[in-house]
C-alpha atoms as a PDB file:
ATOM      1  CA  MET A   1       0.084   0.160   0.154  1.00  0.00           C
ATOM      2  CA  SER A   2       1.039   3.195  -1.278  1.00  0.00           C
ATOM      3  CA  VAL A   3       0.838   6.478   0.653  1.00  0.00           C
ATOM      4  CA  ALA A   4       1.097   9.862  -1.378  1.00  0.00           C
ATOM      5  CA  VAL A   5       3.302  12.067  -0.276  1.00  0.00           C
ATOM      6  CA  ALA A   6       2.322  15.749  -0.592  1.00  0.00           C
ATOM      7  CA  ALA A   7       5.169  18.140  -1.629  1.00  0.00           C
ATOM      8  CA  PRO A   8       5.904  21.063   0.779  1.00  0.00           C
ATOM      9  CA  ARG A   9       4.771  24.036   0.469  1.00  0.00           C
ATOM     10  CA  ARG A  10       6.806  27.207  -0.636  1.00  0.00           C
ATOM     11  CA  ARG A  11       6.190  30.179   1.413  1.00  0.00           C
ATOM     12  CA  PRO A  12       5.499  32.767  -0.525  1.00  0.00           C
ATOM     13  CA  PHE A  13       8.464  35.468  -0.972  1.00  0.00           C
ATOM     14  CA  ILE A  14       7.384  38.938   0.585  1.00  0.00           C
ATOM     15  CA  ARG A  15       9.649  41.365   0.545  1.00  0.00           C
ATOM     16  CA  ILE A  16      10.557  43.419   3.696  1.00  0.00           C
ATOM     17  CA  THR A  17      10.614  47.553   2.783  1.00  0.00           C
ATOM     18  CA  GLY A  18      11.217  50.182   5.313  1.00  0.00           C
ATOM     19  CA  ALA A  19       9.893  53.583   5.625  1.00  0.00           C
ATOM     20  CA  LEU A  20      12.620  55.223   3.802  1.00  0.00           C
ATOM     21  CA  PRO A  21      13.246  54.426   0.098  1.00  0.00           C
ATOM     22  CA  GLY A  22      15.516  52.035  -1.455  1.00  0.00           C
ATOM     23  CA  PHE A  23      18.560  50.723   0.088  1.00  0.00           C
ATOM     24  CA  GLY A  24      20.983  53.171  -2.306  1.00  0.00           C
ATOM     25  CA  LEU A  25      19.047  56.608  -1.436  1.00  0.00           C
ATOM     26  CA  ALA A  26      18.939  55.911   2.435  1.00  0.00           C
ATOM     27  CA  LEU A  27      22.694  55.064   2.610  1.00  0.00           C
ATOM     28  CA  GLY A  28      23.349  57.943   0.011  1.00  0.00           C
ATOM     29  CA  TYR A  29      21.138  60.775   2.895  1.00  0.00           C
ATOM     30  CA  ALA A  30      23.047  59.022   5.490  1.00  0.00           C
ATOM     31  CA  LEU A  31      26.383  59.582   3.889  1.00  0.00           C
ATOM     32  CA  SER A  32      25.971  62.799   3.069  1.00  0.00           C
ATOM     33  CA  TRP A  33      24.751  64.321   5.980  1.00  0.00           C
ATOM     34  CA  LEU A  34      27.560  62.442   8.240  1.00  0.00           C
ATOM     35  CA  GLY A  35      30.458  63.749   5.523  1.00  0.00           C
ATOM     36  CA  PHE A  36      29.372  67.439   5.694  1.00  0.00           C
ATOM     37  CA  ILE A  37      28.554  67.504   9.725  1.00  0.00           C
ATOM     38  CA  VAL A  38      31.057  65.092  11.009  1.00  0.00           C
ATOM     39  CA  LEU A  39      33.641  64.248   8.827  1.00  0.00           C
ATOM     40  CA  LEU A  40      34.606  67.639   6.329  1.00  0.00           C
ATOM     41  CA  PRO A  41      35.320  69.676   9.928  1.00  0.00           C
ATOM     42  CA  LEU A  42      37.457  66.659  11.449  1.00  0.00           C
ATOM     43  CA  ALA A  43      39.164  66.285   8.058  1.00  0.00           C
ATOM     44  CA  ALA A  44      39.842  70.287   7.878  1.00  0.00           C
ATOM     45  CA  LEU A  45      41.618  70.000  11.547  1.00  0.00           C
ATOM     46  CA  PHE A  46      43.755  67.468  10.618  1.00  0.00           C
ATOM     47  CA  LEU A  47      44.407  69.124   7.088  1.00  0.00           C
ATOM     48  CA  ARG A  48      45.514  72.237   9.262  1.00  0.00           C
ATOM     49  CA  ALA A  49      47.573  70.277  12.060  1.00  0.00           C
ATOM     50  CA  SER A  50      49.277  68.443   8.906  1.00  0.00           C
ATOM     51  CA  SER A  51      50.331  71.435   7.939  1.00  0.00           C
ATOM     52  CA  ALA A  52      52.086  72.651  11.585  1.00  0.00           C
ATOM     53  CA  GLY A  53      54.290  69.218  10.264  1.00  0.00           C
ATOM     54  CA  VAL A  54      56.378  67.877  13.130  1.00  0.00           C
ATOM     55  CA  GLU A  55      58.559  70.769  14.386  1.00  0.00           C
ATOM     56  CA  GLY A  56      54.910  72.756  15.248  1.00  0.00           C
ATOM     57  CA  PHE A  57      53.953  69.515  17.084  1.00  0.00           C
ATOM     58  CA  ALA A  58      57.267  69.374  18.994  1.00  0.00           C
ATOM     59  CA  VAL A  59      57.075  73.193  19.621  1.00  0.00           C
ATOM     60  CA  THR A  60      53.607  72.979  21.100  1.00  0.00           C
ATOM     61  CA  LEU A  61      54.222  70.133  22.837  1.00  0.00           C
ATOM     62  CA  SER A  62      57.406  71.787  24.276  1.00  0.00           C
ATOM     63  CA  ASP A  63      55.196  73.944  26.122  1.00  0.00           C
ATOM     64  CA  PRO A  64      54.955  73.520  29.933  1.00  0.00           C
ATOM     65  CA  ARG A  65      51.837  74.963  29.965  1.00  0.00           C
ATOM     66  CA  VAL A  66      50.663  72.831  27.363  1.00  0.00           C
ATOM     67  CA  GLN A  67      51.778  69.818  29.428  1.00  0.00           C
ATOM     68  CA  HIS A  68      49.977  70.822  32.737  1.00  0.00           C
ATOM     69  CA  ALA A  69      46.905  71.674  30.575  1.00  0.00           C
ATOM     70  CA  LEU A  70      46.805  68.099  29.059  1.00  0.00           C
ATOM     71  CA  LEU A  71      47.826  66.002  31.923  1.00  0.00           C
ATOM     72  CA  LEU A  72      45.475  67.778  34.538  1.00  0.00           C
ATOM     73  CA  SER A  73      42.695  67.613  31.935  1.00  0.00           C
ATOM     74  CA  PHE A  74      43.254  63.398  31.142  1.00  0.00           C
ATOM     75  CA  GLY A  75      44.408  62.779  34.816  1.00  0.00           C
ATOM     76  CA  VAL A  76      41.065  64.572  36.351  1.00  0.00           C
ATOM     77  CA  SER A  77      38.829  63.178  33.614  1.00  0.00           C
ATOM     78  CA  ALA A  78      40.440  59.399  34.462  1.00  0.00           C
ATOM     79  CA  ILE A  79      39.837  59.629  38.541  1.00  0.00           C
ATOM     80  CA  ALA A  80      36.394  61.783  37.654  1.00  0.00           C
ATOM     81  CA  ALA A  81      35.174  59.073  35.464  1.00  0.00           C
ATOM     82  CA  LEU A  82      35.704  56.140  37.690  1.00  0.00           C
ATOM     83  CA  PHE A  83      34.219  58.226  40.833  1.00  0.00           C
ATOM     84  CA  ALA A  84      31.007  58.849  39.035  1.00  0.00           C
ATOM     85  CA  THR A  85      31.344  54.799  37.272  1.00  0.00           C
ATOM     86  CA  LEU A  86      31.385  53.316  41.313  1.00  0.00           C
ATOM     87  CA  ALA A  87      29.027  56.201  42.602  1.00  0.00           C
ATOM     88  CA  GLY A  88      26.657  55.518  39.771  1.00  0.00           C
ATOM     89  CA  VAL A  89      26.579  51.787  40.272  1.00  0.00           C
ATOM     90  CA  ILE A  90      25.284  52.629  43.697  1.00  0.00           C
ATOM     91  CA  ILE A  91      22.601  54.615  42.576  1.00  0.00           C
ATOM     92  CA  ALA A  92      21.764  52.647  39.981  1.00  0.00           C
ATOM     93  CA  TRP A  93      21.366  49.508  41.898  1.00  0.00           C
ATOM     94  CA  ALA A  94      19.277  51.687  44.552  1.00  0.00           C
ATOM     95  CA  LEU A  95      16.950  53.433  42.116  1.00  0.00           C
ATOM     96  CA  THR A  96      16.393  49.996  40.364  1.00  0.00           C
ATOM     97  CA  ARG A  97      16.384  47.372  43.271  1.00  0.00           C
ATOM     98  CA  TYR A  98      14.432  49.784  45.946  1.00  0.00           C
ATOM     99  CA  ASP A  99      11.389  51.258  46.310  1.00  0.00           C
ATOM    100  CA  PHE A 100      11.106  54.411  48.605  1.00  0.00           C
ATOM    101  CA  PRO A 101       9.280  58.282  48.863  1.00  0.00           C
ATOM    102  CA  GLY A 102      10.517  60.383  46.312  1.00  0.00           C
ATOM    103  CA  ARG A 103      11.862  57.730  43.645  1.00  0.00           C
ATOM    104  CA  ARG A 104      10.613  58.754  40.583  1.00  0.00           C
ATOM    105  CA  LEU A 105      12.278  62.646  41.458  1.00  0.00           C
ATOM    106  CA  VAL A 106      15.724  61.411  41.970  1.00  0.00           C
ATOM    107  CA  ASP A 107      15.178  59.205  38.848  1.00  0.00           C
ATOM    108  CA  ALA A 108      14.850  61.849  37.036  1.00  0.00           C
ATOM    109  CA  MET A 109      17.402  64.544  38.622  1.00  0.00           C
ATOM    110  CA  VAL A 110      19.878  61.760  37.454  1.00  0.00           C
ATOM    111  CA  ASP A 111      19.200  63.363  33.941  1.00  0.00           C
ATOM    112  CA  LEU A 112      19.249  66.842  35.006  1.00  0.00           C
ATOM    113  CA  PRO A 113      22.977  67.406  34.002  1.00  0.00           C
ATOM    114  CA  PHE A 114      22.289  66.258  30.050  1.00  0.00           C
ATOM    115  CA  ALA A 115      19.282  69.309  29.697  1.00  0.00           C
ATOM    116  CA  LEU A 116      21.179  71.654  32.042  1.00  0.00           C
ATOM    117  CA  PRO A 117      23.769  74.086  30.431  1.00  0.00           C
ATOM    118  CA  THR A 118      26.851  73.466  31.660  1.00  0.00           C
ATOM    119  CA  ALA A 119      27.352  77.614  31.903  1.00  0.00           C
ATOM    120  CA  VAL A 120      24.693  77.399  34.522  1.00  0.00           C
ATOM    121  CA  ALA A 121      26.193  73.778  36.424  1.00  0.00           C
ATOM    122  CA  GLY A 122      29.405  75.815  36.428  1.00  0.00           C
ATOM    123  CA  ILE A 123      27.979  79.018  37.728  1.00  0.00           C
ATOM    124  CA  ALA A 124      25.508  76.678  40.419  1.00  0.00           C
ATOM    125  CA  LEU A 125      28.702  74.712  41.291  1.00  0.00           C
ATOM    126  CA  ALA A 126      31.115  77.865  41.719  1.00  0.00           C
ATOM    127  CA  ALA A 127      28.323  79.646  44.090  1.00  0.00           C
ATOM    128  CA  LEU A 128      27.738  76.731  46.297  1.00  0.00           C
ATOM    129  CA  TYR A 129      31.518  75.819  46.370  1.00  0.00           C
ATOM    130  CA  ALA A 130      32.863  79.262  46.601  1.00  0.00           C
ATOM    131  CA  PRO A 131      34.297  80.331  50.334  1.00  0.00           C
ATOM    132  CA  ASP A 132      31.444  81.917  51.326  1.00  0.00           C
ATOM    133  CA  GLY A 133      28.833  79.184  49.652  1.00  0.00           C
ATOM    134  CA  LEU A 134      27.061  76.684  51.025  1.00  0.00           C
ATOM    135  CA  LEU A 135      29.204  73.765  51.137  1.00  0.00           C
ATOM    136  CA  GLY A 136      32.710  76.056  50.324  1.00  0.00           C
ATOM    137  CA  ALA A 137      32.585  77.846  53.689  1.00  0.00           C
ATOM    138  CA  PRO A 138      32.308  74.636  56.106  1.00  0.00           C
ATOM    139  CA  LEU A 139      35.491  73.178  53.941  1.00  0.00           C
ATOM    140  CA  ALA A 140      37.098  76.706  53.753  1.00  0.00           C
ATOM    141  CA  ARG A 141      37.282  75.797  57.616  1.00  0.00           C
ATOM    142  CA  LEU A 142      38.561  72.999  57.476  1.00  0.00           C
ATOM    143  CA  GLY A 143      41.501  74.099  55.415  1.00  0.00           C
ATOM    144  CA  TRP A 144      40.011  72.859  51.766  1.00  0.00           C
ATOM    145  CA  GLN A 145      39.631  75.004  49.007  1.00  0.00           C
ATOM    146  CA  VAL A 146      37.546  73.901  46.198  1.00  0.00           C
ATOM    147  CA  VAL A 147      37.366  76.492  43.999  1.00  0.00           C
ATOM    148  CA  TYR A 148      40.178  77.860  41.880  1.00  0.00           C
ATOM    149  CA  ASN A 149      41.415  74.571  42.299  1.00  0.00           C
ATOM    150  CA  PRO A 150      41.780  70.815  40.754  1.00  0.00           C
ATOM    151  CA  ILE A 151      39.141  69.877  43.006  1.00  0.00           C
ATOM    152  CA  GLY A 152      36.973  72.420  41.473  1.00  0.00           C
ATOM    153  CA  ILE A 153      37.156  70.578  38.216  1.00  0.00           C
ATOM    154  CA  PHE A 154      36.649  67.192  39.511  1.00  0.00           C
ATOM    155  CA  ILE A 155      33.065  67.738  41.204  1.00  0.00           C
ATOM    156  CA  ALA A 156      32.533  69.210  38.385  1.00  0.00           C
ATOM    157  CA  LEU A 157      33.442  65.982  35.982  1.00  0.00           C
ATOM    158  CA  VAL A 158      31.797  64.050  38.534  1.00  0.00           C
ATOM    159  CA  PHE A 159      28.411  66.232  38.163  1.00  0.00           C
ATOM    160  CA  ILE A 160      28.548  66.366  34.160  1.00  0.00           C
ATOM    161  CA  GLY A 161      29.635  62.146  33.998  1.00  0.00           C
ATOM    162  CA  LEU A 162      27.149  60.915  36.535  1.00  0.00           C
ATOM    163  CA  PRO A 163      24.276  60.275  34.417  1.00  0.00           C
ATOM    164  CA  TYR A 164      26.390  58.001  31.539  1.00  0.00           C
ATOM    165  CA  ALA A 165      27.672  55.733  34.533  1.00  0.00           C
ATOM    166  CA  VAL A 166      23.832  55.349  36.162  1.00  0.00           C
ATOM    167  CA  ARG A 167      22.182  55.443  32.655  1.00  0.00           C
ATOM    168  CA  THR A 168      24.453  52.598  31.067  1.00  0.00           C
ATOM    169  CA  VAL A 169      24.179  50.256  34.297  1.00  0.00           C
ATOM    170  CA  GLN A 170      20.565  50.531  35.483  1.00  0.00           C
ATOM    171  CA  PRO A 171      18.696  48.406  32.476  1.00  0.00           C
ATOM    172  CA  LEU A 172      20.941  45.586  32.856  1.00  0.00           C
ATOM    173  CA  ILE A 173      20.287  45.579  36.384  1.00  0.00           C
ATOM    174  CA  ALA A 174      16.600  45.712  35.922  1.00  0.00           C
ATOM    175  CA  GLU A 175      17.567  42.126  34.275  1.00  0.00           C
ATOM    176  CA  ILE A 176      19.622  40.498  36.307  1.00  0.00           C
ATOM    177  CA  ASP A 177      17.309  37.585  37.744  1.00  0.00           C
ATOM    178  CA  ARG A 178      16.769  38.254  42.011  1.00  0.00           C
ATOM    179  CA  GLU A 179      16.300  34.153  41.984  1.00  0.00           C
ATOM    180  CA  LEU A 180      20.324  34.309  41.449  1.00  0.00           C
ATOM    181  CA  GLU A 181      21.544  36.119  44.230  1.00  0.00           C
ATOM    182  CA  GLU A 182      18.826  33.753  46.797  1.00  0.00           C
ATOM    183  CA  ALA A 183      20.649  30.658  45.289  1.00  0.00           C
ATOM    184  CA  ALA A 184      23.798  31.885  45.885  1.00  0.00           C
ATOM    185  CA  ALA A 185      23.112  32.584  49.623  1.00  0.00           C
ATOM    186  CA  THR A 186      20.885  29.150  49.571  1.00  0.00           C
ATOM    187  CA  LEU A 187      24.144  27.690  48.407  1.00  0.00           C
ATOM    188  CA  GLY A 188      25.908  29.017  51.624  1.00  0.00           C
ATOM    189  CA  ALA A 189      28.150  32.290  49.349  1.00  0.00           C
ATOM    190  CA  ALA A 190      28.947  34.889  51.457  1.00  0.00           C
ATOM    191  CA  ARG A 191      27.679  38.317  50.739  1.00  0.00           C
ATOM    192  CA  TRP A 192      30.941  39.475  48.973  1.00  0.00           C
ATOM    193  CA  GLN A 193      30.833  36.424  46.817  1.00  0.00           C
ATOM    194  CA  THR A 194      27.359  36.857  45.857  1.00  0.00           C
ATOM    195  CA  VAL A 195      28.450  40.475  44.788  1.00  0.00           C
ATOM    196  CA  PHE A 196      31.937  39.278  42.801  1.00  0.00           C
ATOM    197  CA  GLN A 197      30.512  36.407  41.586  1.00  0.00           C
ATOM    198  CA  VAL A 198      27.167  37.015  40.890  1.00  0.00           C
ATOM    199  CA  LEU A 199      26.533  40.731  40.055  1.00  0.00           C
ATOM    200  CA  VAL A 200      29.702  41.935  38.695  1.00  0.00           C
ATOM    201  CA  PRO A 201      30.301  39.513  35.529  1.00  0.00           C
ATOM    202  CA  PRO A 202      27.231  40.702  34.046  1.00  0.00           C
ATOM    203  CA  LEU A 203      27.517  44.170  34.610  1.00  0.00           C
ATOM    204  CA  ALA A 204      31.468  44.462  34.028  1.00  0.00           C
ATOM    205  CA  PRO A 205      30.702  45.360  30.441  1.00  0.00           C
ATOM    206  CA  ALA A 206      28.264  48.092  30.947  1.00  0.00           C
ATOM    207  CA  ALA A 207      29.971  49.784  33.569  1.00  0.00           C
ATOM    208  CA  LEU A 208      33.288  49.659  31.669  1.00  0.00           C
ATOM    209  CA  THR A 209      31.106  51.534  28.894  1.00  0.00           C
ATOM    210  CA  GLY A 210      30.018  54.357  31.269  1.00  0.00           C
ATOM    211  CA  LEU A 211      33.463  54.906  32.661  1.00  0.00           C
ATOM    212  CA  ALA A 212      34.531  55.410  29.185  1.00  0.00           C
ATOM    213  CA  LEU A 213      32.376  57.879  28.663  1.00  0.00           C
ATOM    214  CA  ALA A 214      32.262  59.441  31.435  1.00  0.00           C
ATOM    215  CA  PHE A 215      35.629  60.195  30.587  1.00  0.00           C
ATOM    216  CA  ALA A 216      35.139  61.158  27.355  1.00  0.00           C
ATOM    217  CA  ARG A 217      32.887  63.352  28.060  1.00  0.00           C
ATOM    218  CA  GLY A 218      34.577  65.279  30.958  1.00  0.00           C
ATOM    219  CA  LEU A 219      37.671  65.184  28.692  1.00  0.00           C
ATOM    220  CA  GLY A 220      35.873  67.939  25.999  1.00  0.00           C
ATOM    221  CA  GLU A 221      33.922  69.604  28.985  1.00  0.00           C
ATOM    222  CA  TYR A 222      34.411  73.429  29.322  1.00  0.00           C
ATOM    223  CA  GLY A 223      31.545  74.854  30.355  1.00  0.00           C
ATOM    224  CA  SER A 224      30.631  73.899  33.397  1.00  0.00           C
ATOM    225  CA  VAL A 225      34.854  73.773  34.545  1.00  0.00           C
ATOM    226  CA  ILE A 226      35.394  77.233  33.574  1.00  0.00           C
ATOM    227  CA  PHE A 227      33.614  78.919  36.112  1.00  0.00           C
ATOM    228  CA  ILE A 228      34.653  76.964  39.487  1.00  0.00           C
ATOM    229  CA  ALA A 229      38.190  75.941  38.174  1.00  0.00           C
ATOM    230  CA  GLY A 230      39.510  79.723  38.103  1.00  0.00           C
ATOM    231  CA  ASN A 231      41.590  78.970  34.993  1.00  0.00           C
ATOM    232  CA  LEU A 232      45.370  79.614  36.609  1.00  0.00           C
ATOM    233  CA  PRO A 233      47.785  78.646  34.301  1.00  0.00           C
ATOM    234  CA  GLY A 234      49.693  75.875  35.593  1.00  0.00           C
ATOM    235  CA  VAL A 235      47.366  75.202  38.270  1.00  0.00           C
ATOM    236  CA  SER A 236      43.894  74.643  37.254  1.00  0.00           C
ATOM    237  CA  GLU A 237      44.140  75.663  33.532  1.00  0.00           C
ATOM    238  CA  ILE A 238      41.949  72.640  31.807  1.00  0.00           C
ATOM    239  CA  ALA A 239      43.184  71.943  27.339  1.00  0.00           C
ATOM    240  CA  PRO A 240      40.057  73.026  26.435  1.00  0.00           C
ATOM    241  CA  LEU A 241      40.136  76.748  27.758  1.00  0.00           C
ATOM    242  CA  LEU A 242      44.000  76.881  26.739  1.00  0.00           C
ATOM    243  CA  ILE A 243      42.479  76.368  23.191  1.00  0.00           C
ATOM    244  CA  VAL A 244      40.232  79.148  23.489  1.00  0.00           C
ATOM    245  CA  ILE A 245      43.097  81.159  24.564  1.00  0.00           C
ATOM    246  CA  LYS A 246      45.606  79.960  22.077  1.00  0.00           C
ATOM    247  CA  LEU A 247      42.840  81.039  19.329  1.00  0.00           C
ATOM    248  CA  SER A 248      42.895  84.593  20.876  1.00  0.00           C
ATOM    249  CA  GLU A 249      45.983  84.727  20.323  1.00  0.00           C
ATOM    250  CA  PHE A 250      46.066  83.962  17.053  1.00  0.00           C
ATOM    251  CA  ASP A 251      48.000  81.138  17.532  1.00  0.00           C
ATOM    252  CA  TYR A 252      46.012  78.430  15.171  1.00  0.00           C
ATOM    253  CA  THR A 253      48.839  76.292  15.319  1.00  0.00           C
ATOM    254  CA  GLY A 254      48.990  75.553  19.346  1.00  0.00           C
ATOM    255  CA  ALA A 255      45.495  75.420  19.353  1.00  0.00           C
ATOM    256  CA  THR A 256      45.083  72.870  16.221  1.00  0.00           C
ATOM    257  CA  VAL A 257      47.770  70.690  17.812  1.00  0.00           C
ATOM    258  CA  ILE A 258      45.508  70.627  21.366  1.00  0.00           C
ATOM    259  CA  ALA A 259      42.377  70.022  19.003  1.00  0.00           C
ATOM    260  CA  VAL A 260      43.776  67.026  17.159  1.00  0.00           C
ATOM    261  CA  ILE A 261      45.718  65.419  20.587  1.00  0.00           C
ATOM    262  CA  MET A 262      41.941  65.809  22.263  1.00  0.00           C
ATOM    263  CA  LEU A 263      40.184  64.178  19.163  1.00  0.00           C
ATOM    264  CA  ALA A 264      42.492  61.684  19.317  1.00  0.00           C
ATOM    265  CA  MET A 265      41.671  60.336  22.412  1.00  0.00           C
ATOM    266  CA  ALA A 266      37.869  61.017  22.091  1.00  0.00           C
ATOM    267  CA  PHE A 267      38.442  58.259  18.813  1.00  0.00           C
ATOM    268  CA  LEU A 268      40.639  56.400  21.083  1.00  0.00           C
ATOM    269  CA  MET A 269      37.870  56.425  23.539  1.00  0.00           C
ATOM    270  CA  LEU A 270      34.952  55.562  21.052  1.00  0.00           C
ATOM    271  CA  LEU A 271      37.070  51.827  19.950  1.00  0.00           C
ATOM    272  CA  VAL A 272      37.438  51.142  23.331  1.00  0.00           C
ATOM    273  CA  ILE A 273      33.744  51.482  23.982  1.00  0.00           C
ATOM    274  CA  ASN A 274      32.997  49.192  20.656  1.00  0.00           C
ATOM    275  CA  LEU A 275      35.334  47.134  22.033  1.00  0.00           C
ATOM    276  CA  ILE A 276      33.633  46.500  25.525  1.00  0.00           C
ATOM    277  CA  GLN A 277      30.486  46.173  23.616  1.00  0.00           C
ATOM    278  CA  ALA A 278      31.588  43.862  21.098  1.00  0.00           C
ATOM    279  CA  TRP A 279      33.232  41.634  23.747  1.00  0.00           C
ATOM    280  CA  SER A 280      29.954  41.885  25.868  1.00  0.00           C
ATOM    281  CA  ARG A 281      27.832  40.509  22.852  1.00  0.00           C
ATOM    282  CA  ARG A 282      30.383  37.497  22.491  1.00  0.00           C
ATOM    283  CA  ARG A 283      30.716  36.528  25.968  1.00  0.00           C
ATOM    284  CA  MET A 284      26.550  36.756  26.019  1.00  0.00           C
ATOM    285  CA  GLY A 285      26.609  34.557  23.534  1.00  0.00           C
ATOM    286  CA  ASN A 286      28.634  31.845  24.796  1.00  0.00           C
ATOM    287  CA  VAL A 287      26.531  31.885  27.712  1.00  0.00           C
END
């Protein structure tokens, strides 16, 4: 007895189209905007820097004022980004795992540095930490001077970098199943073991991304720093401000060299962020 087997039905071909027109037109439009808005100004900057030559770079970088400004910007930005990341993880954990009065208000206030003009933030911080300010007066009695000091730069960079640290970690904290922590406790794991073996591994890539974003943001910060830093050469003068000063002095070569160094560091931070995200995707795929 033979049994007839029906041939499998072929699925009809469905062409999926997007809201925008064809691929070529959409890609050309995107690349045109990217070229005119981003690539063309950067190309002009590199072209201007190349005209300075190796001698121009050497002369600019040998200036002690330039060296101090670059080291101050890089060093304080790195320390502030690290502090903002540690504080941001704790804040994100509290906002995600605990319910307390005013939680939504606190959660909204995290994004305040995003919307607040940097000059307004700088004036507010300078007024707060001035020697006669609300926090500056008691600190001055203890011998701590915040304004016109690298400490003021640190506070300003933590202020503008904190939202990046919080928002990159907060979604992952919400996705972590609490049963994992309960299972670890049931198996006899101590709290520190639960933190470092259960919670830290999935949160590490996001925390590192927030660290890189906060560092890149702080490296180019200008408005919120100049009011509280005092901009004293050799003491609290940052690299972005020195670029403006070089331009006002018609030292275009010096301003371009400093700008290229800052731009190269920004590109490096973007590369680090992309590598972290790629590593995180591979790690999650192997789990």
